[in-house]
Protein backbone atom coordinates (compact mmCIF):
# COMPACT_ATOMS: atom_id res chain seq x y z
CA UNK A 1 17.17 -64.42 -24.02
CA UNK A 2 15.29 -61.30 -25.17
CA UNK A 3 12.28 -62.18 -23.01
CA UNK A 4 14.56 -62.84 -20.03
CA UNK A 5 16.32 -59.49 -20.34
CA UNK A 6 13.02 -57.65 -20.91
CA UNK A 7 11.49 -59.22 -17.81
CA UNK A 8 14.48 -58.25 -15.70
CA UNK A 9 14.44 -54.72 -17.15
CA UNK A 10 10.79 -54.26 -16.14
CA UNK A 11 11.57 -55.49 -12.62
CA UNK A 12 14.47 -53.05 -12.28
CA UNK A 13 12.35 -50.21 -13.69
CA UNK A 14 9.68 -50.81 -11.04
CA UNK A 15 12.32 -50.87 -8.30
CA UNK A 16 13.83 -47.63 -9.64
CA UNK A 17 10.42 -45.93 -9.52
CA UNK A 18 9.81 -47.15 -5.98
CA UNK A 19 13.23 -45.89 -4.87
CA UNK A 20 12.59 -42.48 -6.43
CA UNK A 21 9.16 -42.19 -4.77
CA UNK A 22 10.65 -43.12 -1.41
CA UNK A 23 13.38 -40.50 -1.87
CA UNK A 24 10.77 -37.86 -2.69
CA UNK A 25 8.65 -38.74 0.36
CA UNK A 26 11.70 -38.81 2.63
CA UNK A 27 13.01 -35.48 1.34
CA UNK A 28 9.55 -33.88 1.61
CA UNK A 29 9.26 -35.10 5.19
CA UNK A 30 12.73 -33.97 6.31
CA UNK A 31 13.65 -30.95 4.19
CA UNK A 32 12.34 -27.50 5.02
CA UNK A 33 12.45 -25.54 1.73
CA UNK A 34 10.76 -22.59 3.40
CA UNK A 35 14.00 -21.85 5.29
CA UNK A 36 15.49 -20.52 2.04
CA UNK A 37 12.89 -17.74 2.15
CA UNK A 38 12.63 -17.21 5.90
CA UNK A 39 16.37 -16.56 6.15
CA UNK A 40 16.35 -13.64 3.73
CA UNK A 41 16.79 -10.09 4.96
CA UNK A 42 14.39 -8.47 4.59
CA UNK A 43 12.06 -11.41 4.90
CA UNK A 44 9.54 -11.69 2.03
CA UNK A 45 5.83 -11.44 2.85
CA UNK A 46 4.21 -14.68 3.96
CA UNK A 47 1.96 -14.65 0.90
CA UNK A 48 5.01 -14.50 -1.36
CA UNK A 49 6.64 -17.39 0.52
CA UNK A 50 3.47 -19.49 0.24
CA UNK A 51 3.26 -18.78 -3.49
CA UNK A 52 6.90 -19.80 -4.00
CA UNK A 53 6.44 -23.04 -2.04
CA UNK A 54 3.30 -23.81 -4.03
CA UNK A 55 5.25 -23.26 -7.26
CA UNK A 56 7.86 -25.73 -6.01
CA UNK A 57 5.11 -28.21 -5.15
CA UNK A 58 6.11 -28.09 -1.48
CA UNK A 59 3.26 -26.25 0.16
CA UNK A 60 3.08 -27.39 3.82
CA UNK A 61 -0.71 -27.31 3.62
CA UNK A 62 -0.70 -30.15 1.05
CA UNK A 63 -0.13 -33.72 2.30
CA UNK A 64 3.11 -35.38 1.23
CA UNK A 65 1.29 -38.13 -0.70
CA UNK A 66 -0.64 -35.50 -2.67
CA UNK A 67 2.60 -33.70 -3.48
CA UNK A 68 4.13 -36.99 -4.64
CA UNK A 69 1.14 -37.70 -6.87
CA UNK A 70 1.36 -34.23 -8.43
CA UNK A 71 5.10 -34.73 -9.01
CA UNK A 72 4.53 -38.14 -10.65
CA UNK A 73 1.78 -36.74 -12.88
CA UNK A 74 4.17 -34.04 -14.08
CA UNK A 75 6.88 -36.64 -14.65
CA UNK A 76 4.79 -39.02 -16.75
CA UNK A 77 2.64 -36.50 -18.62
CA UNK A 78 5.10 -33.63 -19.19
CA UNK A 79 8.51 -35.17 -18.52
CA UNK A 80 8.99 -32.57 -15.80
CA UNK A 81 10.77 -33.04 -12.47
CA UNK A 82 9.70 -29.67 -11.14
CA UNK A 83 11.94 -26.68 -10.54
CA UNK A 84 14.76 -26.06 -8.12
CA UNK A 85 14.70 -23.47 -5.37
CA UNK A 86 16.72 -21.31 -7.76
CA UNK A 87 13.77 -21.44 -10.21
CA UNK A 88 15.63 -23.62 -12.74
CA UNK A 89 13.97 -26.72 -14.27
CA UNK A 90 15.42 -29.85 -12.69
CA UNK A 91 15.49 -31.67 -16.05
CA UNK A 92 17.61 -28.93 -17.62
CA UNK A 93 20.02 -29.04 -14.68
CA UNK A 94 20.36 -32.81 -14.98
CA UNK A 95 20.97 -32.60 -18.73
CA UNK A 96 23.61 -29.93 -18.24
CA UNK A 97 25.41 -31.82 -15.48
CA UNK A 98 24.97 -35.46 -16.47
CA UNK A 99 27.63 -35.32 -19.18
CA UNK A 100 30.39 -34.66 -16.65
CA UNK A 101 29.21 -37.47 -14.38
CA UNK A 102 28.77 -39.96 -17.21
CA UNK A 103 32.24 -39.32 -18.62
CA UNK A 104 33.75 -40.08 -15.26
CA UNK A 105 31.52 -43.04 -14.46
CA UNK A 106 31.60 -44.86 -17.79
CA UNK A 107 35.32 -44.58 -18.35
CA UNK A 108 36.26 -45.26 -14.73
CA UNK A 109 33.88 -48.17 -14.18
CA UNK A 110 34.60 -49.99 -17.44
CA UNK A 111 38.39 -49.67 -17.25
CA UNK A 112 38.31 -50.45 -13.54
CA UNK A 113 36.25 -53.59 -14.16
CA UNK A 114 38.61 -54.84 -16.87
CA UNK A 115 41.74 -54.11 -14.81
CA UNK A 116 40.20 -55.65 -11.70
CA UNK A 117 39.19 -58.85 -13.50
CA UNK A 118 42.65 -59.23 -15.04
CA UNK A 119 44.34 -58.68 -11.68
CA UNK A 120 41.99 -61.15 -10.03
CA UNK A 121 42.71 -63.85 -12.60
CA UNK A 122 46.44 -63.13 -12.38
CA UNK A 123 46.36 -63.38 -8.58
CA UNK A 124 44.46 -66.67 -8.62
CA UNK A 125 46.77 -68.27 -11.17
CA UNK A 126 49.85 -67.09 -9.25
CA UNK A 127 48.41 -67.69 -5.79
CA UNK A 128 50.68 -66.74 -2.84
CA UNK A 129 53.51 -65.62 -5.10
CA UNK A 130 55.08 -62.20 -4.75
CA UNK A 131 52.96 -60.63 -7.49
CA UNK A 132 49.77 -61.98 -5.89
CA UNK A 133 50.79 -60.64 -2.49
CA UNK A 134 51.52 -57.19 -3.90
CA UNK A 135 48.15 -57.03 -5.66
CA UNK A 136 46.37 -58.32 -2.54
CA UNK A 137 47.91 -55.83 -0.10
CA UNK A 138 47.57 -52.99 -2.59
CA UNK A 139 43.91 -53.81 -3.21
CA UNK A 140 43.06 -53.96 0.49
CA UNK A 141 44.89 -50.68 1.11
CA UNK A 142 43.01 -48.88 -1.67
CA UNK A 143 39.70 -50.54 -0.79
CA UNK A 144 40.02 -49.37 2.84
CA UNK A 145 40.76 -45.77 1.81
CA UNK A 146 37.82 -43.36 1.28
CA UNK A 147 37.37 -42.26 -2.31
CA UNK A 148 37.91 -38.58 -1.60
CA UNK A 149 41.18 -39.39 0.20
CA UNK A 150 42.43 -41.25 -2.88
CA UNK A 151 41.52 -38.20 -4.95
CA UNK A 152 43.34 -35.82 -2.60
CA UNK A 153 46.45 -38.05 -2.58
CA UNK A 154 46.48 -38.07 -6.37
CA UNK A 155 46.20 -34.28 -6.37
CA UNK A 156 49.15 -34.03 -3.98
CA UNK A 157 51.17 -36.36 -6.19
CA UNK A 158 50.29 -34.41 -9.34
CA UNK A 159 51.25 -31.13 -7.65
CA UNK A 160 54.60 -32.59 -6.61
CA UNK A 161 55.20 -33.82 -10.16
CA UNK A 162 54.34 -30.44 -11.65
CA UNK A 163 56.69 -28.68 -9.23
CA UNK A 164 59.53 -31.12 -9.86
CA UNK A 165 59.47 -30.66 -13.64
CA UNK A 166 58.58 -26.96 -13.51
CA UNK A 167 55.65 -27.35 -15.92
CA UNK A 168 51.89 -27.58 -15.29
CA UNK A 169 51.72 -31.03 -16.86
CA UNK A 170 48.63 -32.26 -14.98
CA UNK A 171 45.73 -29.90 -14.32
CA UNK A 172 42.99 -31.25 -12.10
CA UNK A 173 40.69 -28.41 -10.98
CA UNK A 174 37.39 -28.35 -12.86
CA UNK A 175 36.37 -30.08 -16.07
CA UNK A 176 38.41 -27.80 -18.34
CA UNK A 177 40.66 -24.76 -18.23
CA UNK A 178 38.85 -21.45 -18.04
CA UNK A 179 39.10 -19.32 -21.18
CA UNK A 180 40.82 -21.99 -23.27
CA UNK A 181 40.51 -21.69 -27.02
CA UNK A 182 41.98 -23.41 -30.03
CA UNK A 183 41.33 -26.36 -32.26
CA UNK A 184 39.09 -29.31 -31.48
CA UNK A 185 42.18 -31.31 -30.58
CA UNK A 186 43.35 -28.68 -28.07
CA UNK A 187 39.96 -28.63 -26.35
CA UNK A 188 39.76 -32.43 -26.26
CA UNK A 189 43.28 -32.72 -24.85
CA UNK A 190 42.51 -30.16 -22.16
CA UNK A 191 39.41 -32.06 -21.05
CA UNK A 192 41.35 -35.34 -21.10
CA UNK A 193 44.02 -33.89 -18.80
CA UNK A 194 41.37 -32.70 -16.35
CA UNK A 195 39.70 -36.11 -16.56
CA UNK A 196 42.90 -38.02 -15.78
CA UNK A 197 43.07 -37.86 -11.97
CA UNK A 198 39.39 -38.36 -11.08
CA UNK A 199 39.18 -41.23 -13.56
CA UNK A 200 42.34 -42.78 -12.16
CA UNK A 201 40.93 -42.54 -8.64
CA UNK A 202 37.73 -44.29 -9.70
CA UNK A 203 39.69 -46.95 -11.61
CA UNK A 204 41.79 -47.70 -8.54
CA UNK A 205 38.76 -48.00 -6.28
CA UNK A 206 36.77 -50.21 -8.63
CA UNK A 207 39.76 -52.37 -9.65
CA UNK A 208 40.56 -53.05 -6.00
CA UNK A 209 37.04 -54.33 -5.42
CA UNK A 210 36.76 -56.38 -8.62
CA UNK A 211 40.17 -57.98 -8.21
CA UNK A 212 39.35 -59.39 -4.77
CA UNK A 213 36.05 -60.87 -5.90
CA UNK A 214 37.44 -62.20 -9.19
CA UNK A 215 40.39 -63.84 -7.44
CA UNK A 216 38.08 -65.64 -5.01
CA UNK A 217 35.80 -66.90 -7.78
CA UNK A 218 38.73 -67.91 -9.98
CA UNK A 219 40.29 -69.96 -7.18
CA UNK A 220 37.07 -72.00 -6.94
CA UNK A 221 37.12 -72.57 -10.70
CA UNK A 222 40.76 -73.72 -10.82
CA UNK A 223 39.92 -76.90 -8.92
CA UNK A 224 36.81 -77.73 -10.95
CA UNK A 225 36.42 -81.07 -12.72
CA UNK A 226 36.01 -79.56 -16.18
CA UNK A 227 39.43 -77.91 -15.92
CA UNK A 228 41.05 -81.26 -15.11
CA UNK A 229 39.07 -82.91 -17.92
CA UNK A 230 40.28 -80.32 -20.42
CA UNK A 231 43.86 -80.84 -19.26
CA UNK A 232 43.53 -84.62 -19.50
CA UNK A 233 42.41 -84.24 -23.12
CA UNK A 234 45.72 -82.58 -23.94
CA UNK A 235 44.81 -78.91 -23.62
CA UNK A 236 47.62 -76.75 -22.25
CA UNK A 237 47.15 -75.10 -18.85
CA UNK A 238 46.85 -71.55 -20.19
CA UNK A 239 44.23 -72.26 -22.89
CA UNK A 240 42.32 -74.51 -20.48
CA UNK A 241 42.13 -71.77 -17.86
CA UNK A 242 41.14 -68.97 -20.19
CA UNK A 243 38.84 -70.98 -22.48
CA UNK A 244 36.95 -72.81 -19.73
CA UNK A 245 37.88 -71.25 -16.38
CA UNK A 246 37.71 -67.51 -16.98
CA UNK A 247 34.37 -67.67 -18.78
CA UNK A 248 32.76 -69.54 -15.87
CA UNK A 249 34.38 -67.22 -13.32
CA UNK A 250 32.98 -64.17 -15.12
CA UNK A 251 29.37 -65.28 -14.59
CA UNK A 252 29.11 -64.16 -10.93
CA UNK A 253 31.17 -61.07 -11.82
CA UNK A 254 28.34 -59.84 -14.06
CA UNK A 255 26.02 -59.76 -11.04
CA UNK A 256 28.70 -58.16 -8.89
CA UNK A 257 29.07 -55.40 -11.48
CA UNK A 258 25.41 -54.41 -11.09
CA UNK A 259 25.56 -54.27 -7.31
CA UNK A 260 28.89 -52.45 -7.16
CA UNK A 261 27.85 -49.80 -9.68
CA UNK A 262 25.85 -47.95 -7.03
CA UNK A 263 28.98 -47.70 -4.90
CA UNK A 264 30.88 -46.33 -7.88
CA UNK A 265 28.18 -43.68 -8.36
CA UNK A 266 28.62 -42.57 -4.75
CA UNK A 267 32.40 -42.55 -5.16
CA UNK A 268 32.21 -40.48 -8.34
CA UNK A 269 29.95 -37.98 -6.56
CA UNK A 270 32.64 -37.40 -3.92
CA UNK A 271 35.30 -37.09 -6.61
CA UNK A 272 33.25 -34.43 -8.40
CA UNK A 273 33.27 -32.36 -5.22
CA UNK A 274 37.01 -32.90 -4.62
CA UNK A 275 37.96 -31.99 -8.19
CA UNK A 276 35.37 -29.19 -8.52
CA UNK A 277 33.35 -30.79 -11.29
CA UNK A 278 29.91 -29.41 -12.07
CA UNK A 279 28.26 -32.80 -12.11
CA UNK A 280 25.39 -34.64 -10.50
CA UNK A 281 27.31 -35.21 -7.27
CA UNK A 282 27.65 -31.48 -6.74
CA UNK A 283 23.99 -31.04 -7.72
CA UNK A 284 22.84 -33.53 -5.07
CA UNK A 285 24.99 -31.92 -2.39
CA UNK A 286 23.53 -28.52 -3.22
CA UNK A 287 20.04 -30.01 -3.04
CA UNK A 288 20.68 -31.29 0.47
CA UNK A 289 22.25 -28.02 1.62
CA UNK A 290 19.37 -25.92 0.26
CA UNK A 291 16.55 -28.32 1.26
CA UNK A 292 15.60 -28.70 -2.40
CA UNK A 293 13.15 -31.61 -2.63
CA UNK A 294 12.74 -31.62 -6.41
CA UNK A 295 16.49 -31.56 -7.03
CA UNK A 296 17.07 -34.38 -4.53
CA UNK A 297 14.32 -36.52 -6.11
CA UNK A 298 15.64 -35.79 -9.60
CA UNK A 299 19.16 -36.79 -8.55
CA UNK A 300 17.81 -40.02 -7.09
CA UNK A 301 15.98 -40.76 -10.32
CA UNK A 302 19.18 -40.15 -12.30
CA UNK A 303 21.13 -42.58 -10.11
CA UNK A 304 18.28 -45.10 -10.26
CA UNK A 305 18.30 -45.00 -14.06
CA UNK A 306 22.05 -45.57 -14.10
CA UNK A 307 21.71 -48.56 -11.78
CA UNK A 308 18.79 -49.79 -13.92
CA UNK A 309 20.92 -49.66 -17.08
CA UNK A 310 23.94 -51.26 -15.39
CA UNK A 311 21.75 -54.04 -13.99
CA UNK A 312 20.24 -54.70 -17.40
CA UNK A 313 23.71 -54.72 -18.96
CA UNK A 314 24.86 -57.23 -16.35
CA UNK A 315 21.87 -59.46 -17.15
CA UNK A 316 22.81 -59.38 -20.84
CA UNK A 317 26.37 -60.42 -19.98
CA UNK A 318 25.05 -63.11 -17.65
CA UNK A 319 22.80 -64.52 -20.36
CA UNK A 320 25.64 -64.42 -22.89
CA UNK A 321 27.96 -66.35 -20.56
CA UNK A 322 25.41 -68.83 -19.17
CA UNK A 323 23.23 -70.51 -21.84
CA UNK A 324 20.90 -71.94 -19.17
CA UNK A 325 19.12 -68.58 -18.77
CA UNK A 326 18.60 -67.87 -22.48
CA UNK A 327 15.44 -69.91 -22.87
């Protein structure tokens, strides 16, 4: 099992590096970082602009492949991703912002996956009943709604709730309240309140997706021969389903988790913008708006690493559920 997971991890690491290199080449070919200097009034001297672009590693006189090689050398030898147009190290920006994104992603994706799997199993067991129909229509409605719209609707609902009770019960702008002070518990509670709505939005989106897939897989399992064999041996329906059916149905869900995690990353990026979080989603948007190649490549690498880790985690779950791949 260890060799299997290690082999898959190496494959994903190579794919992550290729994706990052492609993002760097694409950004270098499309972005025009010199516009940030040409648009200033008064315009800096051309020699100063050339020196700034050279410091960024984006001199137009250097071929894109040579710039990529220089960027990779800095990455592997110094752990550097270059500097942003604002003269800040990209690595420091990622470290400062990644905490906000990871809090939202980890909590939202894990809870959403658990809720979605439970709803999918429930819907399959109670197929075509009222509860299954409610979950089905609700899932399709949420799944068809853009992530930022779900976030805005939650904000509207929270505002209406606050106005109805006359107290600012739910605060949703930013990661924390400005100027707040107090005990560790007060600070933690404040961050938890700000985390509530964006996390709930991500849970709803991910649960809607997982529930549909889990229900479909579980319906295939319910008619399997091993379920009937377990029932014929005297095992009750509930224990037979959960001991034999759910475990088998979770095997394809482990793969689905890896592929859907990238979508969750994109959804969390939009939620960071809607809820004014200083996370990696905002960082990537700023990179695109300012034609910042290094920041865009660093953001891509961050996302690639997250997908790499989620894919490896899904392989571990797959191997734990299916003994055929452990050898």
